Amino acid sequence: MAVSGQQRRPVVALYERIADAIHDGTYPPGSTLPSEPRLAGELGVSRPALREALLLLQEDGLLTVRRGVGRTVNDRPPRRGFEQLQPLEELLGAGGPVRVRALLRSVEEPTDFTTQHLLPTAGAELRFWESVLVGEALAVALCHEWAAPQDVLERLHPAFAAALADEPARSMLAVLADASRGVALTAHSGVTATLLGRRRGEQLERPAETPAVLVTQVVRVAGTPVLAAKHMLPSGAPALPLLQNG
């Protein structure tokens, strides 16, 4: 069943409050955030919501958890990872069929993640897709995908813009790949170890503390980003083949 955009909004709004505090110097690079109980009290929010927002900030490279220290604010992290422009359902489906189950198809305001990777103008709206990839017996990945603003897509890749309007039960990257015959695409991806967290654990039917791999990906046309994605693969998911670039 689809989840409304409003149900995601509290954690996204909290993420943005903390990200803004980092960017305006309230928490400068190298500083340590207050403890969870203290920060939750200062922000007037519940600890579960705060924990989800902090986990997202860690995944997006704004925070690092240091044993015995706590959560510290990062400088911009170095790029790292793999380069292989192929839909995740195809990569994970080598050992058996993987289907895409759509959870949400909506339009959202930019977050810190999408602002960093899609470079939208102020007031822009971004198409957002949330999907679960399901193998033969269980869910194997949770995918969050955002497209660049409509005017950017219509200028750079009108076929992709038109294909998205149909909202097919596929990943956004699969739609982009099919719409890009004759269009040169480039991409950069990163790989990070993390934990699922409560909400994503529920969506993938696994405990919140399940170890996972987070893959972030940005796809460009003529040097301009048209798609940004975060893919969460829990332990036990099929092996993800990687093409390492030296």
C-alpha atoms as a PDB file:
ATOM      1  CA  MET A   1       0.000   0.000   0.000  1.00  0.00           C
ATOM      2  CA  ALA A   2       1.349   3.435  -0.872  1.00  0.00           C
ATOM      3  CA  VAL A   3       2.615   5.635   1.927  1.00  0.00           C
ATOM      4  CA  SER A   4       1.643   9.301   1.729  1.00  0.00           C
ATOM      5  CA  GLY A   5       4.327  11.949   1.477  1.00  0.00           C
ATOM      6  CA  GLN A   6       3.039  13.561   4.669  1.00  0.00           C
ATOM      7  CA  GLN A   7       3.967  10.471   6.699  1.00  0.00           C
ATOM      8  CA  ARG A   8       7.626  10.991   5.740  1.00  0.00           C
ATOM      9  CA  ARG A   9       7.582  14.719   6.412  1.00  0.00           C
ATOM     10  CA  PRO A  10       8.355  14.853  10.192  1.00  0.00           C
ATOM     11  CA  VAL A  11      11.658  12.989   9.879  1.00  0.00           C
ATOM     12  CA  VAL A  12      12.577  14.921   6.694  1.00  0.00           C
ATOM     13  CA  ALA A  13      11.799  18.222   8.443  1.00  0.00           C
ATOM     14  CA  LEU A  14      13.913  17.203  11.438  1.00  0.00           C
ATOM     15  CA  TYR A  15      16.733  16.159   9.111  1.00  0.00           C
ATOM     16  CA  GLU A  16      16.600  19.615   7.528  1.00  0.00           C
ATOM     17  CA  ARG A  17      16.634  21.403  10.905  1.00  0.00           C
ATOM     18  CA  ILE A  18      19.820  19.612  11.944  1.00  0.00           C
ATOM     19  CA  ALA A  19      21.397  19.965   8.472  1.00  0.00           C
ATOM     20  CA  ASP A  20      20.669  23.712   8.553  1.00  0.00           C
ATOM     21  CA  ALA A  21      22.326  23.951  11.972  1.00  0.00           C
ATOM     22  CA  ILE A  22      25.388  22.233  10.522  1.00  0.00           C
ATOM     23  CA  HIS A  23      25.526  24.495   7.479  1.00  0.00           C
ATOM     24  CA  ASP A  24      25.043  27.728   9.454  1.00  0.00           C
ATOM     25  CA  GLY A  25      27.869  26.842  11.843  1.00  0.00           C
ATOM     26  CA  THR A  26      25.837  25.971  14.927  1.00  0.00           C
ATOM     27  CA  TYR A  27      27.562  22.583  14.698  1.00  0.00           C
ATOM     28  CA  PRO A  28      30.813  23.315  12.774  1.00  0.00           C
ATOM     29  CA  PRO A  29      33.019  20.640  11.143  1.00  0.00           C
ATOM     30  CA  GLY A  30      34.714  18.493  13.781  1.00  0.00           C
ATOM     31  CA  SER A  31      32.242  19.376  16.538  1.00  0.00           C
ATOM     32  CA  THR A  32      30.301  16.741  18.460  1.00  0.00           C
ATOM     33  CA  LEU A  33      26.510  16.810  18.614  1.00  0.00           C
ATOM     34  CA  PRO A  34      24.793  16.729  22.024  1.00  0.00           C
ATOM     35  CA  SER A  35      23.694  13.318  23.275  1.00  0.00           C
ATOM     36  CA  GLU A  36      20.431  11.929  21.907  1.00  0.00           C
ATOM     37  CA  PRO A  37      18.400  12.691  25.064  1.00  0.00           C
ATOM     38  CA  ARG A  38      19.738  16.246  25.256  1.00  0.00           C
ATOM     39  CA  LEU A  39      19.319  16.937  21.520  1.00  0.00           C
ATOM     40  CA  ALA A  40      15.782  15.513  21.516  1.00  0.00           C
ATOM     41  CA  GLY A  41      14.931  17.821  24.418  1.00  0.00           C
ATOM     42  CA  GLU A  42      16.472  20.861  22.741  1.00  0.00           C
ATOM     43  CA  LEU A  43      14.574  20.182  19.498  1.00  0.00           C
ATOM     44  CA  GLY A  44      11.340  19.129  21.200  1.00  0.00           C
ATOM     45  CA  VAL A  45      11.086  15.833  19.321  1.00  0.00           C
ATOM     46  CA  SER A  46      10.858  12.138  20.176  1.00  0.00           C
ATOM     47  CA  ARG A  47      14.033  10.087  20.371  1.00  0.00           C
ATOM     48  CA  PRO A  48      12.873   7.530  17.716  1.00  0.00           C
ATOM     49  CA  ALA A  49      12.264  10.338  15.198  1.00  0.00           C
ATOM     50  CA  LEU A  50      15.597  11.940  16.092  1.00  0.00           C
ATOM     51  CA  ARG A  51      17.417   8.638  15.702  1.00  0.00           C
ATOM     52  CA  GLU A  52      15.973   8.166  12.192  1.00  0.00           C
ATOM     53  CA  ALA A  53      16.987  11.699  11.182  1.00  0.00           C
ATOM     54  CA  LEU A  54      20.511  11.243  12.574  1.00  0.00           C
ATOM     55  CA  LEU A  55      20.872   7.975  10.688  1.00  0.00           C
ATOM     56  CA  LEU A  56      19.944   9.727   7.428  1.00  0.00           C
ATOM     57  CA  LEU A  57      22.440  12.508   8.153  1.00  0.00           C
ATOM     58  CA  GLN A  58      25.130   9.899   8.775  1.00  0.00           C
ATOM     59  CA  GLU A  59      24.298   8.126   5.496  1.00  0.00           C
ATOM     60  CA  ASP A  60      24.441  11.400   3.564  1.00  0.00           C
ATOM     61  CA  GLY A  61      27.930  12.110   4.866  1.00  0.00           C
ATOM     62  CA  LEU A  62      27.153  14.991   7.244  1.00  0.00           C
ATOM     63  CA  LEU A  63      27.876  13.019  10.428  1.00  0.00           C
ATOM     64  CA  THR A  64      30.205  10.261  11.593  1.00  0.00           C
ATOM     65  CA  VAL A  65      29.699   8.057  14.659  1.00  0.00           C
ATOM     66  CA  ARG A  66      32.940   7.717  16.620  1.00  0.00           C
ATOM     67  CA  ARG A  67      33.201   5.123  19.377  1.00  0.00           C
ATOM     68  CA  GLY A  68      33.537   6.778  22.763  1.00  0.00           C
ATOM     69  CA  VAL A  69      32.961  10.240  21.284  1.00  0.00           C
ATOM     70  CA  GLY A  70      29.504  10.294  19.688  1.00  0.00           C
ATOM     71  CA  ARG A  71      28.288  11.879  16.473  1.00  0.00           C
ATOM     72  CA  THR A  72      30.718  14.371  14.955  1.00  0.00           C
ATOM     73  CA  VAL A  73      30.197  16.747  12.031  1.00  0.00           C
ATOM     74  CA  ASN A  74      32.111  15.925   8.832  1.00  0.00           C
ATOM     75  CA  ASP A  75      33.726  18.008   6.171  1.00  0.00           C
ATOM     76  CA  ARG A  76      32.583  16.990   2.681  1.00  0.00           C
ATOM     77  CA  PRO A  77      33.444  13.277   2.423  1.00  0.00           C
ATOM     78  CA  PRO A  78      35.652  11.993  -0.431  1.00  0.00           C
ATOM     79  CA  ARG A  79      33.916  10.214  -3.263  1.00  0.00           C
ATOM     80  CA  ARG A  80      34.273   6.445  -3.252  1.00  0.00           C
ATOM     81  CA  GLY A  81      32.512   3.394  -4.573  1.00  0.00           C
ATOM     82  CA  PHE A  82      31.651   1.752  -7.862  1.00  0.00           C
ATOM     83  CA  GLU A  83      30.542   2.705 -11.349  1.00  0.00           C
ATOM     84  CA  GLN A  84      28.019   0.471 -13.066  1.00  0.00           C
ATOM     85  CA  LEU A  85      24.991   2.049 -14.684  1.00  0.00           C
ATOM     86  CA  GLN A  86      22.467  -0.785 -14.534  1.00  0.00           C
ATOM     87  CA  PRO A  87      19.103  -1.013 -12.728  1.00  0.00           C
ATOM     88  CA  LEU A  88      19.415  -2.568  -9.287  1.00  0.00           C
ATOM     89  CA  GLU A  89      16.678  -5.124  -9.964  1.00  0.00           C
ATOM     90  CA  GLU A  90      18.786  -6.444 -12.859  1.00  0.00           C
ATOM     91  CA  LEU A  91      21.980  -6.548 -10.807  1.00  0.00           C
ATOM     92  CA  LEU A  92      20.288  -8.388  -7.930  1.00  0.00           C
ATOM     93  CA  GLY A  93      18.265 -10.637 -10.232  1.00  0.00           C
ATOM     94  CA  ALA A  94      21.213 -12.646 -11.558  1.00  0.00           C
ATOM     95  CA  GLY A  95      20.394 -15.494  -9.151  1.00  0.00           C
ATOM     96  CA  GLY A  96      16.618 -15.332  -9.526  1.00  0.00           C
ATOM     97  CA  PRO A  97      13.803 -12.963 -10.474  1.00  0.00           C
ATOM     98  CA  VAL A  98      13.485  -9.667  -8.566  1.00  0.00           C
ATOM     99  CA  ARG A  99      10.333  -7.582  -8.932  1.00  0.00           C
ATOM    100  CA  VAL A 100       9.677  -3.945  -8.007  1.00  0.00           C
ATOM    101  CA  ARG A 101       6.834  -3.167  -5.591  1.00  0.00           C
ATOM    102  CA  ALA A 102       5.938   0.521  -5.623  1.00  0.00           C
ATOM    103  CA  LEU A 103       5.377   2.035  -2.165  1.00  0.00           C
ATOM    104  CA  LEU A 104       5.132   5.724  -3.014  1.00  0.00           C
ATOM    105  CA  ARG A 105       5.047   7.923  -6.101  1.00  0.00           C
ATOM    106  CA  SER A 106       4.967  11.606  -5.162  1.00  0.00           C
ATOM    107  CA  VAL A 107       6.418  15.080  -5.678  1.00  0.00           C
ATOM    108  CA  GLU A 108       8.556  16.561  -2.895  1.00  0.00           C
ATOM    109  CA  GLU A 109      10.500  19.645  -1.975  1.00  0.00           C
ATOM    110  CA  PRO A 110      14.304  19.269  -2.084  1.00  0.00           C
ATOM    111  CA  THR A 111      16.094  17.845   0.957  1.00  0.00           C
ATOM    112  CA  ASP A 112      19.760  18.337   1.788  1.00  0.00           C
ATOM    113  CA  PHE A 113      20.583  15.123  -0.093  1.00  0.00           C
ATOM    114  CA  THR A 114      18.758  16.122  -3.274  1.00  0.00           C
ATOM    115  CA  THR A 115      19.990  19.709  -3.075  1.00  0.00           C
ATOM    116  CA  GLN A 116      23.565  18.432  -2.959  1.00  0.00           C
ATOM    117  CA  HIS A 117      23.172  15.917  -5.787  1.00  0.00           C
ATOM    118  CA  LEU A 118      20.488  17.323  -8.125  1.00  0.00           C
ATOM    119  CA  LEU A 119      21.250  21.049  -7.662  1.00  0.00           C
ATOM    120  CA  PRO A 120      17.604  22.208  -7.908  1.00  0.00           C
ATOM    121  CA  THR A 121      16.696  25.885  -7.897  1.00  0.00           C
ATOM    122  CA  ALA A 122      14.848  27.424  -4.957  1.00  0.00           C
ATOM    123  CA  GLY A 123      11.218  26.327  -4.819  1.00  0.00           C
ATOM    124  CA  ALA A 124      11.729  23.408  -7.197  1.00  0.00           C
ATOM    125  CA  GLU A 125       9.701  20.218  -6.912  1.00  0.00           C
ATOM    126  CA  LEU A 126      11.227  16.792  -7.451  1.00  0.00           C
ATOM    127  CA  ARG A 127       9.511  13.564  -8.448  1.00  0.00           C
ATOM    128  CA  PHE A 128      10.161  10.930  -5.736  1.00  0.00           C
ATOM    129  CA  TRP A 129       9.733   7.149  -5.986  1.00  0.00           C
ATOM    130  CA  GLU A 130       9.995   4.743  -3.051  1.00  0.00           C
ATOM    131  CA  SER A 131      10.088   1.048  -3.957  1.00  0.00           C
ATOM    132  CA  VAL A 132      10.878  -2.320  -2.414  1.00  0.00           C
ATOM    133  CA  LEU A 133      12.677  -4.924  -4.497  1.00  0.00           C
ATOM    134  CA  VAL A 134      11.328  -8.390  -3.734  1.00  0.00           C
ATOM    135  CA  GLY A 135      13.071 -11.680  -4.484  1.00  0.00           C
ATOM    136  CA  GLU A 136      11.567 -15.142  -4.454  1.00  0.00           C
ATOM    137  CA  ALA A 137      10.959 -15.223  -0.697  1.00  0.00           C
ATOM    138  CA  LEU A 138      11.704 -11.829   0.838  1.00  0.00           C
ATOM    139  CA  ALA A 139      12.438  -8.155   0.261  1.00  0.00           C
ATOM    140  CA  VAL A 140      16.039  -7.589  -0.813  1.00  0.00           C
ATOM    141  CA  ALA A 141      16.336  -3.788  -1.146  1.00  0.00           C
ATOM    142  CA  LEU A 142      14.595  -0.492  -0.448  1.00  0.00           C
ATOM    143  CA  CYS A 143      15.036   2.165  -3.135  1.00  0.00           C
ATOM    144  CA  HIS A 144      14.553   5.932  -2.870  1.00  0.00           C
ATOM    145  CA  GLU A 145      14.887   7.708  -6.229  1.00  0.00           C
ATOM    146  CA  TRP A 146      14.489  11.369  -7.171  1.00  0.00           C
ATOM    147  CA  ALA A 147      14.336  12.924 -10.647  1.00  0.00           C
ATOM    148  CA  ALA A 148      15.582  16.401 -11.478  1.00  0.00           C
ATOM    149  CA  PRO A 149      12.950  19.169 -11.787  1.00  0.00           C
ATOM    150  CA  GLN A 150      10.551  18.781 -14.715  1.00  0.00           C
ATOM    151  CA  ASP A 151      11.931  21.767 -16.633  1.00  0.00           C
ATOM    152  CA  VAL A 152      15.444  20.315 -16.457  1.00  0.00           C
ATOM    153  CA  LEU A 153      14.245  16.927 -17.714  1.00  0.00           C
ATOM    154  CA  GLU A 154      12.219  18.434 -20.539  1.00  0.00           C
ATOM    155  CA  ARG A 155      15.262  20.389 -21.679  1.00  0.00           C
ATOM    156  CA  LEU A 156      17.875  17.627 -21.336  1.00  0.00           C
ATOM    157  CA  HIS A 157      15.934  14.373 -21.644  1.00  0.00           C
ATOM    158  CA  PRO A 158      12.283  14.772 -22.730  1.00  0.00           C
ATOM    159  CA  ALA A 159      11.872  11.025 -23.323  1.00  0.00           C
ATOM    160  CA  PHE A 160      12.724  10.328 -19.677  1.00  0.00           C
ATOM    161  CA  ALA A 161      10.338  13.066 -18.499  1.00  0.00           C
ATOM    162  CA  ALA A 162       7.510  11.540 -20.543  1.00  0.00           C
ATOM    163  CA  ALA A 163       8.213   7.978 -19.395  1.00  0.00           C
ATOM    164  CA  LEU A 164       8.123   8.994 -15.715  1.00  0.00           C
ATOM    165  CA  ALA A 165       4.601  10.363 -16.099  1.00  0.00           C
ATOM    166  CA  ASP A 166       3.243   6.824 -16.542  1.00  0.00           C
ATOM    167  CA  GLU A 167       4.657   5.772 -13.112  1.00  0.00           C
ATOM    168  CA  PRO A 168       5.352   2.152 -14.121  1.00  0.00           C
ATOM    169  CA  ALA A 169       6.049  -0.541 -11.519  1.00  0.00           C
ATOM    170  CA  ARG A 170       9.772  -0.370 -12.192  1.00  0.00           C
ATOM    171  CA  SER A 171      12.710   1.469 -10.713  1.00  0.00           C
ATOM    172  CA  MET A 172      13.322   5.020 -11.903  1.00  0.00           C
ATOM    173  CA  LEU A 173      16.756   3.985 -13.154  1.00  0.00           C
ATOM    174  CA  ALA A 174      15.204   1.212 -15.271  1.00  0.00           C
ATOM    175  CA  VAL A 175      12.847   3.773 -16.798  1.00  0.00           C
ATOM    176  CA  LEU A 176      15.793   6.094 -17.470  1.00  0.00           C
ATOM    177  CA  ALA A 177      17.846   3.321 -19.060  1.00  0.00           C
ATOM    178  CA  ASP A 178      15.026   2.342 -21.422  1.00  0.00           C
ATOM    179  CA  ALA A 179      14.357   5.983 -22.367  1.00  0.00           C
ATOM    180  CA  SER A 180      18.029   6.699 -23.075  1.00  0.00           C
ATOM    181  CA  ARG A 181      18.727   4.881 -26.315  1.00  0.00           C
ATOM    182  CA  GLY A 182      21.034   7.244 -28.144  1.00  0.00           C
ATOM    183  CA  VAL A 183      21.489   9.447 -25.035  1.00  0.00           C
ATOM    184  CA  ALA A 184      24.883   9.348 -23.310  1.00  0.00           C
ATOM    185  CA  LEU A 185      24.619   8.812 -19.537  1.00  0.00           C
ATOM    186  CA  THR A 186      27.338   9.066 -16.913  1.00  0.00           C
ATOM    187  CA  ALA A 187      27.062   8.091 -13.254  1.00  0.00           C
ATOM    188  CA  HIS A 188      28.851   8.085  -9.945  1.00  0.00           C
ATOM    189  CA  SER A 189      27.999   5.808  -7.029  1.00  0.00           C
ATOM    190  CA  GLY A 190      29.125   5.410  -3.422  1.00  0.00           C
ATOM    191  CA  VAL A 191      28.938   2.513  -0.962  1.00  0.00           C
ATOM    192  CA  THR A 192      28.554   2.931   2.818  1.00  0.00           C
ATOM    193  CA  ALA A 193      27.939   0.507   5.704  1.00  0.00           C
ATOM    194  CA  THR A 194      25.015   1.406   7.970  1.00  0.00           C
ATOM    195  CA  LEU A 195      21.997   0.015   9.878  1.00  0.00           C
ATOM    196  CA  LEU A 196      18.428  -0.216   8.613  1.00  0.00           C
ATOM    197  CA  GLY A 197      16.697   1.825  11.324  1.00  0.00           C
ATOM    198  CA  ARG A 198      13.119   1.349  12.494  1.00  0.00           C
ATOM    199  CA  ARG A 199      11.041   2.492   9.517  1.00  0.00           C
ATOM    200  CA  ARG A 200      13.154   0.867   6.832  1.00  0.00           C
ATOM    201  CA  GLY A 201      13.386  -2.276   8.956  1.00  0.00           C
ATOM    202  CA  GLU A 202       9.589  -2.436   8.940  1.00  0.00           C
ATOM    203  CA  GLN A 203       9.476  -1.961   5.180  1.00  0.00           C
ATOM    204  CA  LEU A 204      12.037  -4.722   4.632  1.00  0.00           C
ATOM    205  CA  GLU A 205      10.593  -6.920   7.428  1.00  0.00           C
ATOM    206  CA  ARG A 206      13.838  -7.021   9.389  1.00  0.00           C
ATOM    207  CA  PRO A 207      14.975  -5.724  12.805  1.00  0.00           C
ATOM    208  CA  ALA A 208      16.004  -2.062  13.012  1.00  0.00           C
ATOM    209  CA  GLU A 209      19.564  -3.024  14.003  1.00  0.00           C
ATOM    210  CA  THR A 210      20.115  -5.164  10.874  1.00  0.00           C
ATOM    211  CA  PRO A 211      23.432  -4.278   9.168  1.00  0.00           C
ATOM    212  CA  ALA A 212      22.984  -2.933   5.647  1.00  0.00           C
ATOM    213  CA  VAL A 213      24.835  -1.481   2.685  1.00  0.00           C
ATOM    214  CA  LEU A 214      23.747   1.931   1.413  1.00  0.00           C
ATOM    215  CA  VAL A 215      24.419   2.633  -2.266  1.00  0.00           C
ATOM    216  CA  THR A 216      24.010   6.228  -3.439  1.00  0.00           C
ATOM    217  CA  GLN A 217      23.939   7.014  -7.132  1.00  0.00           C
ATOM    218  CA  VAL A 218      23.792  10.124  -9.320  1.00  0.00           C
ATOM    219  CA  VAL A 219      23.167   9.897 -13.078  1.00  0.00           C
ATOM    220  CA  ARG A 220      23.944  12.784 -15.444  1.00  0.00           C
ATOM    221  CA  VAL A 221      23.156  13.853 -18.985  1.00  0.00           C
ATOM    222  CA  ALA A 222      25.655  16.270 -20.548  1.00  0.00           C
ATOM    223  CA  GLY A 223      27.159  16.791 -17.097  1.00  0.00           C
ATOM    224  CA  THR A 224      23.843  17.775 -15.474  1.00  0.00           C
ATOM    225  CA  PRO A 225      22.314  15.447 -12.844  1.00  0.00           C
ATOM    226  CA  VAL A 226      18.923  13.995 -13.821  1.00  0.00           C
ATOM    227  CA  LEU A 227      18.520  11.266 -11.181  1.00  0.00           C
ATOM    228  CA  ALA A 228      19.730  10.707  -7.619  1.00  0.00           C
ATOM    229  CA  ALA A 229      19.073   7.570  -5.606  1.00  0.00           C
ATOM    230  CA  LYS A 230      19.680   5.800  -2.314  1.00  0.00           C
ATOM    231  CA  HIS A 231      19.423   2.014  -2.256  1.00  0.00           C
ATOM    232  CA  MET A 232      19.395   0.120   1.063  1.00  0.00           C
ATOM    233  CA  LEU A 233      20.454  -3.538   0.906  1.00  0.00           C
ATOM    234  CA  PRO A 234      20.127  -5.471   4.208  1.00  0.00           C
ATOM    235  CA  SER A 235      22.372  -8.351   5.189  1.00  0.00           C
ATOM    236  CA  GLY A 236      21.137 -11.514   3.525  1.00  0.00           C
ATOM    237  CA  ALA A 237      20.316  -9.752   0.251  1.00  0.00           C
ATOM    238  CA  PRO A 238      21.752 -11.227  -2.978  1.00  0.00           C
ATOM    239  CA  ALA A 239      25.348 -10.326  -3.733  1.00  0.00           C
ATOM    240  CA  LEU A 240      25.701  -7.022  -5.577  1.00  0.00           C
ATOM    241  CA  PRO A 241      28.228  -7.253  -8.449  1.00  0.00           C
ATOM    242  CA  LEU A 242      30.489  -4.214  -8.577  1.00  0.00           C
ATOM    243  CA  LEU A 243      32.711  -2.847 -11.313  1.00  0.00           C
ATOM    244  CA  GLN A 244      35.601  -1.122  -9.544  1.00  0.00           C
ATOM    245  CA  ASN A 245      37.291   1.768 -11.330  1.00  0.00           C
ATOM    246  CA  GLY A 246      40.908   2.484 -10.488  1.00  0.00           C
END
